[in-house]
Amino acid sequence: MPKTNYHFEKDNPICKIFWGRTMVEHATAYYFFTKTGKVQHLIHQLKYKKAKEVGIFIGEIMGKELLLSEFYRNIDVIIPVPLHPKKEKKRGYNQAEMFALGLCNSMKIPLDKTTLTRTYASETQTRKSRFKRWENVKEIFSVNANENIKNKHILIVDDVITTGATLESCINMLLGSIEGVKISVAAIAVASG
């Protein structure tokens, strides 16, 4: 499996995705994602074939590695990128949440599924340009008041990072709504090329 090892690299290519767009402490993904590759097959199983255990397993092994990185040792809470409730009901679960559960298990960090919510069911991001992806998600999340994560270091997680538009939208909502938070990012995979 094509691992990135970006969790050990300070200004890695995923961190650079967010430069000039939003503030992140650090950003990483476990694998490189290529069309028709093994990682695409894993993500497909997780998202469309009801293989929740794939996300949990990858989260558990990645979490153990994140604990070895100076950038991820002081995470206070993990928040998965939320699905719209209708989409989650149709799929039966949120794939980012399955990944987050695995991370929580191995990192011994609490999961927060209530602070960040998706208020609008956006279209799929597949085959959209970078601008269209950003436009598609710029105002689809909201933050519920949560005093418990004030001044905390949040790890926000998703399945795949392509342009970073979805994560950027989540990060900006959290930074603009909760006092003193710091945010890092982790994903199962990052699109390469």
N, C-alpha and C. Protein backbone atom coordinates (compact mmCIF):
# COMPACT_ATOMS: atom_id res chain seq x y z
N MET A 1 0.85 -1.18 0.00
CA MET A 1 0.00 0.00 0.00
C MET A 1 0.89 1.24 0.00
N PRO A 2 0.55 2.23 -0.83
CA PRO A 2 1.40 3.42 -0.98
C PRO A 2 1.20 4.45 0.14
N LYS A 3 1.96 4.33 1.23
CA LYS A 3 1.85 5.23 2.38
C LYS A 3 2.55 6.56 2.09
N THR A 4 2.00 7.64 2.64
CA THR A 4 2.60 8.97 2.43
C THR A 4 3.68 9.30 3.46
N ASN A 5 3.47 8.88 4.70
CA ASN A 5 4.34 9.26 5.84
C ASN A 5 4.38 10.77 6.06
N TYR A 6 3.38 11.48 5.56
CA TYR A 6 3.31 12.93 5.72
C TYR A 6 3.13 13.37 7.18
N HIS A 7 2.67 12.47 8.04
CA HIS A 7 2.46 12.85 9.43
C HIS A 7 3.79 13.16 10.14
N PHE A 8 4.91 12.80 9.52
CA PHE A 8 6.22 13.13 10.09
C PHE A 8 6.88 14.32 9.40
N GLU A 9 6.26 14.85 8.35
CA GLU A 9 6.86 15.88 7.51
C GLU A 9 6.19 17.24 7.77
N LYS A 10 6.96 18.24 8.17
CA LYS A 10 6.41 19.54 8.57
C LYS A 10 5.59 20.23 7.48
N ASP A 11 6.19 20.63 6.40
CA ASP A 11 5.48 21.36 5.35
C ASP A 11 5.23 20.44 4.16
N ASN A 12 4.49 19.40 4.41
CA ASN A 12 4.23 18.39 3.37
C ASN A 12 3.22 18.91 2.34
N PRO A 13 3.04 18.20 1.23
CA PRO A 13 2.12 18.66 0.18
C PRO A 13 0.66 18.84 0.64
N ILE A 14 0.22 18.09 1.64
CA ILE A 14 -1.17 18.28 2.12
C ILE A 14 -1.26 19.57 2.92
N CYS A 15 -0.28 19.84 3.76
CA CYS A 15 -0.26 21.13 4.48
C CYS A 15 -0.34 22.28 3.48
N LYS A 16 0.41 22.17 2.40
CA LYS A 16 0.48 23.24 1.40
C LYS A 16 -0.86 23.46 0.68
N ILE A 17 -1.71 22.44 0.64
CA ILE A 17 -3.05 22.60 0.04
C ILE A 17 -3.80 23.73 0.75
N PHE A 18 -3.60 23.84 2.06
CA PHE A 18 -4.36 24.79 2.87
C PHE A 18 -3.68 26.15 3.02
N TRP A 19 -2.43 26.28 2.59
CA TRP A 19 -1.72 27.56 2.70
C TRP A 19 -2.49 28.65 1.97
N GLY A 20 -2.71 29.76 2.64
CA GLY A 20 -3.40 30.90 2.05
C GLY A 20 -4.91 30.73 1.99
N ARG A 21 -5.41 29.59 2.46
CA ARG A 21 -6.85 29.31 2.42
C ARG A 21 -7.46 29.23 3.81
N THR A 22 -6.73 28.64 4.75
CA THR A 22 -7.20 28.50 6.12
C THR A 22 -6.01 28.15 7.00
N MET A 23 -6.22 28.13 8.31
CA MET A 23 -5.14 27.84 9.26
C MET A 23 -5.24 26.40 9.76
N VAL A 24 -4.21 25.64 9.49
CA VAL A 24 -4.12 24.29 10.08
C VAL A 24 -2.77 24.14 10.75
N GLU A 25 -2.78 23.40 11.84
CA GLU A 25 -1.53 23.10 12.54
C GLU A 25 -0.71 22.11 11.71
N HIS A 26 -1.39 21.07 11.23
CA HIS A 26 -0.73 20.05 10.42
C HIS A 26 -1.80 19.31 9.63
N ALA A 27 -1.38 18.67 8.56
CA ALA A 27 -2.32 17.89 7.74
C ALA A 27 -1.60 16.68 7.18
N THR A 28 -2.34 15.57 7.10
CA THR A 28 -1.75 14.33 6.60
C THR A 28 -2.83 13.42 6.03
N ALA A 29 -2.38 12.44 5.30
CA ALA A 29 -3.23 11.33 4.85
C ALA A 29 -2.35 10.08 4.93
N TYR A 30 -2.96 8.95 5.14
CA TYR A 30 -2.18 7.73 5.33
C TYR A 30 -1.66 7.17 4.01
N TYR A 31 -2.52 7.18 3.00
CA TYR A 31 -2.16 6.58 1.71
C TYR A 31 -2.28 7.58 0.56
N PHE A 32 -1.61 7.26 -0.54
CA PHE A 32 -1.84 7.95 -1.80
C PHE A 32 -2.98 7.24 -2.52
N PHE A 33 -3.88 8.02 -3.10
CA PHE A 33 -5.04 7.50 -3.82
C PHE A 33 -4.81 7.69 -5.31
N THR A 34 -4.88 6.60 -6.07
CA THR A 34 -4.82 6.69 -7.53
C THR A 34 -6.01 5.93 -8.10
N LYS A 35 -6.49 6.40 -9.22
CA LYS A 35 -7.62 5.71 -9.87
C LYS A 35 -7.21 4.28 -10.19
N THR A 36 -8.08 3.37 -9.93
CA THR A 36 -7.93 1.91 -10.16
C THR A 36 -6.87 1.26 -9.26
N GLY A 37 -6.35 1.99 -8.27
CA GLY A 37 -5.36 1.41 -7.36
C GLY A 37 -6.01 0.69 -6.20
N LYS A 38 -5.17 0.07 -5.37
CA LYS A 38 -5.65 -0.68 -4.21
C LYS A 38 -6.36 0.21 -3.19
N VAL A 39 -5.86 1.43 -3.03
CA VAL A 39 -6.48 2.35 -2.08
C VAL A 39 -7.86 2.76 -2.56
N GLN A 40 -8.02 2.99 -3.86
CA GLN A 40 -9.35 3.31 -4.39
C GLN A 40 -10.31 2.16 -4.10
N HIS A 41 -9.84 0.94 -4.26
CA HIS A 41 -10.67 -0.23 -3.98
C HIS A 41 -11.09 -0.25 -2.50
N LEU A 42 -10.16 0.03 -1.60
CA LEU A 42 -10.48 0.07 -0.17
C LEU A 42 -11.53 1.14 0.13
N ILE A 43 -11.33 2.34 -0.40
CA ILE A 43 -12.27 3.44 -0.17
C ILE A 43 -13.65 3.08 -0.74
N HIS A 44 -13.66 2.46 -1.90
CA HIS A 44 -14.93 2.04 -2.52
C HIS A 44 -15.65 1.03 -1.62
N GLN A 45 -14.91 0.10 -1.05
CA GLN A 45 -15.51 -0.89 -0.14
C GLN A 45 -16.11 -0.18 1.08
N LEU A 46 -15.36 0.78 1.62
CA LEU A 46 -15.81 1.52 2.79
C LEU A 46 -17.07 2.34 2.49
N LYS A 47 -17.07 3.05 1.38
CA LYS A 47 -18.17 3.98 1.10
C LYS A 47 -19.41 3.32 0.50
N TYR A 48 -19.21 2.34 -0.36
CA TYR A 48 -20.35 1.84 -1.14
C TYR A 48 -20.69 0.37 -0.92
N LYS A 49 -19.84 -0.37 -0.24
CA LYS A 49 -20.08 -1.81 -0.05
C LYS A 49 -20.30 -2.17 1.41
N LYS A 50 -20.60 -1.16 2.23
CA LYS A 50 -20.94 -1.36 3.65
C LYS A 50 -19.83 -2.02 4.47
N ALA A 51 -18.59 -1.82 4.06
CA ALA A 51 -17.44 -2.40 4.77
C ALA A 51 -16.90 -1.38 5.79
N LYS A 52 -17.72 -1.09 6.81
CA LYS A 52 -17.35 -0.12 7.84
C LYS A 52 -16.01 -0.45 8.50
N GLU A 53 -15.77 -1.76 8.65
CA GLU A 53 -14.57 -2.20 9.36
C GLU A 53 -13.29 -1.76 8.67
N VAL A 54 -13.35 -1.47 7.37
CA VAL A 54 -12.17 -0.97 6.64
C VAL A 54 -11.75 0.38 7.23
N GLY A 55 -12.70 1.28 7.42
CA GLY A 55 -12.39 2.59 7.99
C GLY A 55 -11.87 2.49 9.41
N ILE A 56 -12.51 1.65 10.21
CA ILE A 56 -12.08 1.48 11.60
C ILE A 56 -10.66 0.92 11.66
N PHE A 57 -10.39 -0.10 10.86
CA PHE A 57 -9.07 -0.73 10.85
C PHE A 57 -7.99 0.26 10.42
N ILE A 58 -8.21 1.00 9.34
CA ILE A 58 -7.21 1.97 8.88
C ILE A 58 -7.01 3.05 9.94
N GLY A 59 -8.10 3.48 10.57
CA GLY A 59 -7.99 4.46 11.65
C GLY A 59 -7.15 3.95 12.80
N GLU A 60 -7.33 2.69 13.16
CA GLU A 60 -6.56 2.13 14.28
C GLU A 60 -5.07 2.06 13.95
N ILE A 61 -4.72 1.62 12.74
CA ILE A 61 -3.29 1.53 12.43
C ILE A 61 -2.68 2.92 12.21
N MET A 62 -3.44 3.83 11.61
CA MET A 62 -2.92 5.18 11.43
C MET A 62 -2.77 5.89 12.77
N GLY A 63 -3.74 5.69 13.66
CA GLY A 63 -3.69 6.33 14.98
C GLY A 63 -2.43 5.98 15.74
N LYS A 64 -2.02 4.73 15.66
CA LYS A 64 -0.77 4.31 16.33
C LYS A 64 0.43 5.06 15.77
N GLU A 65 0.43 5.27 14.47
CA GLU A 65 1.52 6.02 13.84
C GLU A 65 1.46 7.51 14.16
N LEU A 66 0.24 8.06 14.23
CA LEU A 66 0.11 9.49 14.55
C LEU A 66 0.67 9.79 15.94
N LEU A 67 0.53 8.85 16.86
CA LEU A 67 1.06 9.05 18.21
C LEU A 67 2.59 9.14 18.22
N LEU A 68 3.23 8.65 17.18
CA LEU A 68 4.69 8.72 17.07
C LEU A 68 5.16 10.05 16.47
N SER A 69 4.22 10.85 15.98
CA SER A 69 4.54 12.12 15.33
C SER A 69 4.38 13.27 16.32
N GLU A 70 5.36 14.16 16.36
CA GLU A 70 5.27 15.32 17.24
C GLU A 70 4.06 16.20 16.93
N PHE A 71 3.56 16.14 15.70
CA PHE A 71 2.46 17.01 15.29
C PHE A 71 1.09 16.54 15.80
N TYR A 72 0.99 15.29 16.22
CA TYR A 72 -0.32 14.72 16.58
C TYR A 72 -0.39 14.22 18.02
N ARG A 73 0.61 14.52 18.82
CA ARG A 73 0.62 14.02 20.20
C ARG A 73 -0.31 14.80 21.13
N ASN A 74 -0.68 16.01 20.77
CA ASN A 74 -1.48 16.84 21.69
C ASN A 74 -2.91 17.08 21.18
N ILE A 75 -3.45 16.13 20.44
CA ILE A 75 -4.84 16.25 19.96
C ILE A 75 -5.78 16.02 21.14
N ASP A 76 -6.82 16.86 21.24
CA ASP A 76 -7.78 16.75 22.34
C ASP A 76 -9.08 16.04 21.95
N VAL A 77 -9.48 16.18 20.69
CA VAL A 77 -10.77 15.63 20.26
C VAL A 77 -10.72 15.38 18.75
N ILE A 78 -11.45 14.38 18.31
CA ILE A 78 -11.51 14.04 16.89
C ILE A 78 -12.93 14.28 16.37
N ILE A 79 -13.02 15.03 15.27
CA ILE A 79 -14.32 15.33 14.66
C ILE A 79 -14.30 14.83 13.21
N PRO A 80 -15.20 13.90 12.87
CA PRO A 80 -15.29 13.47 11.47
C PRO A 80 -16.07 14.49 10.64
N VAL A 81 -15.70 14.62 9.36
CA VAL A 81 -16.49 15.45 8.45
C VAL A 81 -17.88 14.82 8.38
N PRO A 82 -18.91 15.59 8.71
CA PRO A 82 -20.25 14.99 8.75
C PRO A 82 -20.88 14.81 7.36
N LEU A 83 -21.71 13.79 7.27
CA LEU A 83 -22.58 13.61 6.10
C LEU A 83 -23.90 14.29 6.41
N HIS A 84 -24.64 14.65 5.39
CA HIS A 84 -26.00 15.14 5.61
C HIS A 84 -26.81 13.96 6.17
N PRO A 85 -27.71 14.22 7.13
CA PRO A 85 -28.47 13.12 7.74
C PRO A 85 -29.18 12.21 6.74
N LYS A 86 -29.72 12.77 5.65
CA LYS A 86 -30.39 11.92 4.65
C LYS A 86 -29.40 10.98 3.97
N LYS A 87 -28.22 11.50 3.64
CA LYS A 87 -27.20 10.67 2.99
C LYS A 87 -26.68 9.60 3.95
N GLU A 88 -26.50 9.98 5.20
CA GLU A 88 -26.03 9.01 6.19
C GLU A 88 -27.07 7.91 6.41
N LYS A 89 -28.33 8.30 6.44
CA LYS A 89 -29.39 7.30 6.60
C LYS A 89 -29.41 6.34 5.42
N LYS A 90 -29.25 6.88 4.22
CA LYS A 90 -29.25 6.04 3.01
C LYS A 90 -28.06 5.08 3.00
N ARG A 91 -26.87 5.60 3.35
CA ARG A 91 -25.66 4.77 3.36
C ARG A 91 -25.64 3.84 4.58
N GLY A 92 -26.22 4.31 5.68
CA GLY A 92 -26.24 3.51 6.90
C GLY A 92 -25.18 3.94 7.91
N TYR A 93 -24.23 4.75 7.51
CA TYR A 93 -23.18 5.23 8.39
C TYR A 93 -22.39 6.31 7.64
N ASN A 94 -21.54 6.99 8.39
CA ASN A 94 -20.64 8.00 7.81
C ASN A 94 -19.25 7.38 7.74
N GLN A 95 -18.68 7.27 6.55
CA GLN A 95 -17.38 6.63 6.38
C GLN A 95 -16.27 7.38 7.13
N ALA A 96 -16.35 8.71 7.20
CA ALA A 96 -15.35 9.48 7.95
C ALA A 96 -15.45 9.18 9.44
N GLU A 97 -16.66 8.93 9.91
CA GLU A 97 -16.86 8.58 11.32
C GLU A 97 -16.25 7.22 11.63
N MET A 98 -16.33 6.27 10.70
CA MET A 98 -15.73 4.95 10.93
C MET A 98 -14.21 5.09 11.07
N PHE A 99 -13.61 5.90 10.21
CA PHE A 99 -12.19 6.18 10.28
C PHE A 99 -11.87 6.85 11.62
N ALA A 100 -12.69 7.83 12.02
CA ALA A 100 -12.50 8.54 13.29
C ALA A 100 -12.58 7.57 14.47
N LEU A 101 -13.51 6.63 14.43
CA LEU A 101 -13.64 5.65 15.52
C LEU A 101 -12.35 4.85 15.69
N GLY A 102 -11.75 4.44 14.58
CA GLY A 102 -10.49 3.71 14.65
C GLY A 102 -9.39 4.57 15.25
N LEU A 103 -9.32 5.83 14.84
CA LEU A 103 -8.33 6.75 15.40
C LEU A 103 -8.56 6.92 16.90
N CYS A 104 -9.81 7.10 17.30
CA CYS A 104 -10.14 7.26 18.71
C CYS A 104 -9.72 6.04 19.52
N ASN A 105 -9.96 4.86 18.97
CA ASN A 105 -9.61 3.62 19.68
C ASN A 105 -8.12 3.55 19.97
N SER A 106 -7.30 3.83 18.96
CA SER A 106 -5.86 3.67 19.15
C SER A 106 -5.19 4.87 19.80
N MET A 107 -5.75 6.07 19.62
CA MET A 107 -5.14 7.27 20.20
C MET A 107 -5.70 7.60 21.58
N LYS A 108 -6.79 6.92 21.96
CA LYS A 108 -7.44 7.16 23.27
C LYS A 108 -7.86 8.63 23.41
N ILE A 109 -8.52 9.11 22.34
CA ILE A 109 -9.00 10.49 22.28
C ILE A 109 -10.50 10.45 22.01
N PRO A 110 -11.28 11.34 22.64
CA PRO A 110 -12.74 11.30 22.43
C PRO A 110 -13.18 11.72 21.02
N LEU A 111 -14.31 11.15 20.62
CA LEU A 111 -14.96 11.46 19.34
C LEU A 111 -16.06 12.49 19.60
N ASP A 112 -16.15 13.47 18.72
CA ASP A 112 -17.21 14.49 18.80
C ASP A 112 -17.99 14.46 17.49
N LYS A 113 -19.25 13.99 17.56
CA LYS A 113 -20.10 13.93 16.38
C LYS A 113 -21.18 15.00 16.38
N THR A 114 -21.18 15.88 17.37
CA THR A 114 -22.28 16.83 17.50
C THR A 114 -21.91 18.29 17.24
N THR A 115 -20.65 18.66 17.38
CA THR A 115 -20.26 20.06 17.22
C THR A 115 -20.41 20.54 15.79
N LEU A 116 -19.98 19.72 14.83
CA LEU A 116 -20.03 20.10 13.42
C LEU A 116 -21.13 19.30 12.73
N THR A 117 -22.03 20.00 12.03
CA THR A 117 -23.10 19.32 11.31
C THR A 117 -23.17 19.82 9.87
N ARG A 118 -23.69 18.95 9.02
CA ARG A 118 -23.90 19.32 7.62
C ARG A 118 -25.35 19.72 7.50
N THR A 119 -25.58 20.94 7.03
CA THR A 119 -26.94 21.47 6.97
C THR A 119 -27.55 21.36 5.58
N TYR A 120 -26.72 21.05 4.60
CA TYR A 120 -27.20 21.02 3.22
C TYR A 120 -26.60 19.81 2.55
N ALA A 121 -27.42 19.08 1.81
CA ALA A 121 -26.94 17.89 1.09
C ALA A 121 -26.36 18.32 -0.24
N SER A 122 -25.04 18.49 -0.27
CA SER A 122 -24.39 18.94 -1.50
C SER A 122 -24.30 17.81 -2.51
N GLU A 123 -24.02 18.20 -3.74
CA GLU A 123 -23.83 17.21 -4.81
C GLU A 123 -22.48 16.52 -4.59
N THR A 124 -22.30 15.40 -5.24
CA THR A 124 -21.02 14.71 -5.18
C THR A 124 -19.91 15.62 -5.71
N GLN A 125 -18.72 15.48 -5.12
CA GLN A 125 -17.58 16.31 -5.53
C GLN A 125 -16.83 15.69 -6.71
N THR A 126 -17.11 14.44 -7.00
CA THR A 126 -16.41 13.74 -8.07
C THR A 126 -16.58 14.49 -9.39
N ARG A 127 -15.50 14.61 -10.12
CA ARG A 127 -15.45 15.25 -11.44
C ARG A 127 -15.71 16.76 -11.42
N LYS A 128 -15.57 17.40 -10.27
CA LYS A 128 -15.72 18.85 -10.20
C LYS A 128 -14.33 19.49 -10.18
N SER A 129 -14.24 20.70 -10.73
CA SER A 129 -12.98 21.45 -10.68
C SER A 129 -12.76 21.93 -9.24
N ARG A 130 -11.56 22.42 -8.98
CA ARG A 130 -11.24 22.91 -7.63
C ARG A 130 -12.21 24.01 -7.21
N PHE A 131 -12.46 24.99 -8.10
CA PHE A 131 -13.37 26.08 -7.76
C PHE A 131 -14.79 25.55 -7.53
N LYS A 132 -15.26 24.67 -8.40
CA LYS A 132 -16.62 24.12 -8.26
C LYS A 132 -16.75 23.32 -6.97
N ARG A 133 -15.70 22.61 -6.56
CA ARG A 133 -15.72 21.87 -5.29
C ARG A 133 -15.86 22.85 -4.12
N TRP A 134 -15.07 23.92 -4.16
CA TRP A 134 -15.13 24.91 -3.09
C TRP A 134 -16.51 25.55 -3.04
N GLU A 135 -17.03 25.92 -4.21
CA GLU A 135 -18.34 26.55 -4.31
C GLU A 135 -19.44 25.62 -3.79
N ASN A 136 -19.29 24.32 -4.06
CA ASN A 136 -20.26 23.30 -3.68
C ASN A 136 -20.36 23.11 -2.17
N VAL A 137 -19.28 23.43 -1.42
CA VAL A 137 -19.28 23.15 0.02
C VAL A 137 -19.05 24.37 0.91
N LYS A 138 -18.96 25.56 0.33
CA LYS A 138 -18.53 26.71 1.13
C LYS A 138 -19.46 27.06 2.29
N GLU A 139 -20.73 26.76 2.22
CA GLU A 139 -21.64 27.13 3.31
C GLU A 139 -22.59 25.99 3.69
N ILE A 140 -22.08 24.77 3.70
CA ILE A 140 -22.97 23.63 3.97
C ILE A 140 -22.81 23.05 5.37
N PHE A 141 -21.92 23.63 6.18
CA PHE A 141 -21.70 23.14 7.54
C PHE A 141 -22.10 24.19 8.55
N SER A 142 -22.48 23.74 9.74
CA SER A 142 -22.74 24.68 10.83
C SER A 142 -22.12 24.10 12.10
N VAL A 143 -21.90 25.00 13.06
CA VAL A 143 -21.29 24.61 14.32
C VAL A 143 -22.29 24.79 15.44
N ASN A 144 -22.47 23.76 16.23
CA ASN A 144 -23.31 23.81 17.41
C ASN A 144 -22.43 24.22 18.59
N ALA A 145 -22.94 25.12 19.42
CA ALA A 145 -22.15 25.60 20.55
C ALA A 145 -21.67 24.43 21.40
N ASN A 146 -20.38 24.43 21.69
CA ASN A 146 -19.80 23.37 22.51
C ASN A 146 -18.66 23.96 23.32
N GLU A 147 -18.95 24.28 24.56
CA GLU A 147 -17.94 24.87 25.46
C GLU A 147 -16.80 23.90 25.74
N ASN A 148 -17.06 22.60 25.60
CA ASN A 148 -16.05 21.58 25.92
C ASN A 148 -14.86 21.58 24.98
N ILE A 149 -14.99 22.17 23.79
CA ILE A 149 -13.84 22.14 22.88
C ILE A 149 -13.19 23.53 22.69
N LYS A 150 -13.60 24.48 23.50
CA LYS A 150 -12.95 25.79 23.52
C LYS A 150 -11.47 25.60 23.84
N ASN A 151 -10.60 26.27 23.09
CA ASN A 151 -9.15 26.22 23.33
C ASN A 151 -8.55 24.82 23.18
N LYS A 152 -9.18 23.95 22.43
CA LYS A 152 -8.69 22.58 22.24
C LYS A 152 -8.04 22.42 20.87
N HIS A 153 -7.25 21.37 20.75
CA HIS A 153 -6.65 21.00 19.46
C HIS A 153 -7.53 19.91 18.85
N ILE A 154 -8.20 20.25 17.76
CA ILE A 154 -9.14 19.36 17.09
C ILE A 154 -8.47 18.67 15.92
N LEU A 155 -8.70 17.38 15.80
CA LEU A 155 -8.29 16.64 14.61
C LEU A 155 -9.56 16.39 13.80
N ILE A 156 -9.65 17.01 12.64
CA ILE A 156 -10.80 16.80 11.78
C ILE A 156 -10.41 15.79 10.72
N VAL A 157 -11.28 14.79 10.49
CA VAL A 157 -10.90 13.68 9.62
C VAL A 157 -11.92 13.44 8.51
N ASP A 158 -11.41 12.96 7.37
CA ASP A 158 -12.25 12.64 6.22
C ASP A 158 -11.65 11.41 5.54
N ASP A 159 -12.36 10.90 4.55
CA ASP A 159 -11.84 9.71 3.86
C ASP A 159 -10.77 10.07 2.84
N VAL A 160 -11.07 10.99 1.90
CA VAL A 160 -10.12 11.34 0.85
C VAL A 160 -9.99 12.86 0.72
N ILE A 161 -8.76 13.33 0.58
CA ILE A 161 -8.51 14.74 0.29
C ILE A 161 -8.16 14.84 -1.19
N THR A 162 -8.92 15.66 -1.90
CA THR A 162 -8.61 15.91 -3.31
C THR A 162 -8.13 17.36 -3.42
N THR A 163 -9.03 18.32 -3.38
CA THR A 163 -8.63 19.73 -3.41
C THR A 163 -8.59 20.33 -2.01
N GLY A 164 -9.19 19.66 -1.04
CA GLY A 164 -9.26 20.18 0.33
C GLY A 164 -10.44 21.09 0.58
N ALA A 165 -11.33 21.25 -0.40
CA ALA A 165 -12.45 22.20 -0.27
C ALA A 165 -13.40 21.85 0.87
N THR A 166 -13.74 20.59 1.02
CA THR A 166 -14.65 20.18 2.09
C THR A 166 -14.02 20.46 3.45
N LEU A 167 -12.78 20.04 3.62
CA LEU A 167 -12.09 20.26 4.89
C LEU A 167 -11.91 21.75 5.16
N GLU A 168 -11.58 22.52 4.15
CA GLU A 168 -11.43 23.97 4.31
C GLU A 168 -12.72 24.58 4.85
N SER A 169 -13.84 24.18 4.31
CA SER A 169 -15.13 24.70 4.77
C SER A 169 -15.37 24.34 6.24
N CYS A 170 -15.08 23.09 6.61
CA CYS A 170 -15.24 22.65 8.01
C CYS A 170 -14.31 23.44 8.93
N ILE A 171 -13.07 23.55 8.53
CA ILE A 171 -12.07 24.24 9.35
C ILE A 171 -12.48 25.70 9.58
N ASN A 172 -12.88 26.38 8.51
CA ASN A 172 -13.26 27.78 8.64
C ASN A 172 -14.47 27.96 9.55
N MET A 173 -15.43 27.03 9.48
CA MET A 173 -16.59 27.11 10.37
C MET A 173 -16.16 26.95 11.83
N LEU A 174 -15.30 25.99 12.09
CA LEU A 174 -14.84 25.74 13.47
C LEU A 174 -14.00 26.91 13.99
N LEU A 175 -13.07 27.40 13.18
CA LEU A 175 -12.21 28.52 13.60
C LEU A 175 -13.03 29.78 13.85
N GLY A 176 -14.06 29.99 13.03
CA GLY A 176 -14.87 31.19 13.17
C GLY A 176 -15.92 31.12 14.26
N SER A 177 -16.14 29.93 14.81
CA SER A 177 -17.24 29.75 15.77
C SER A 177 -16.81 29.37 17.18
N ILE A 178 -15.61 28.82 17.33
CA ILE A 178 -15.19 28.34 18.65
C ILE A 178 -13.88 29.00 19.04
N GLU A 179 -13.90 29.59 20.20
CA GLU A 179 -12.76 30.37 20.69
C GLU A 179 -11.52 29.50 20.92
N GLY A 180 -10.40 29.97 20.40
CA GLY A 180 -9.10 29.40 20.74
C GLY A 180 -8.77 28.02 20.21
N VAL A 181 -9.54 27.50 19.26
CA VAL A 181 -9.24 26.16 18.78
C VAL A 181 -8.07 26.16 17.80
N LYS A 182 -7.35 25.05 17.78
CA LYS A 182 -6.34 24.76 16.78
C LYS A 182 -6.83 23.52 16.04
N ILE A 183 -6.53 23.46 14.76
CA ILE A 183 -7.07 22.34 13.97
C ILE A 183 -5.98 21.68 13.16
N SER A 184 -5.96 20.35 13.21
CA SER A 184 -5.13 19.54 12.34
C SER A 184 -6.06 18.65 11.53
N VAL A 185 -5.52 18.05 10.48
CA VAL A 185 -6.32 17.26 9.55
C VAL A 185 -5.66 15.90 9.34
N ALA A 186 -6.50 14.88 9.22
CA ALA A 186 -6.02 13.54 8.83
C ALA A 186 -7.07 12.91 7.93
N ALA A 187 -6.61 12.18 6.92
CA ALA A 187 -7.51 11.48 6.01
C ALA A 187 -6.92 10.10 5.72
N ILE A 188 -7.78 9.24 5.23
CA ILE A 188 -7.31 7.93 4.84
C ILE A 188 -6.36 8.06 3.64
N ALA A 189 -6.74 8.93 2.70
CA ALA A 189 -5.95 9.02 1.47
C ALA A 189 -5.96 10.43 0.91
N VAL A 190 -4.95 10.71 0.09
CA VAL A 190 -4.89 11.96 -0.66
C VAL A 190 -4.75 11.60 -2.14
N ALA A 191 -5.54 12.28 -2.95
CA ALA A 191 -5.47 12.05 -4.40
C ALA A 191 -4.10 12.48 -4.90
N SER A 192 -3.45 11.62 -5.66
CA SER A 192 -2.13 11.97 -6.17
C SER A 192 -2.23 12.27 -7.66
N GLY A 193 -1.38 13.18 -8.06
CA GLY A 193 -1.36 13.58 -9.47
C GLY A 193 -2.49 14.44 -9.75
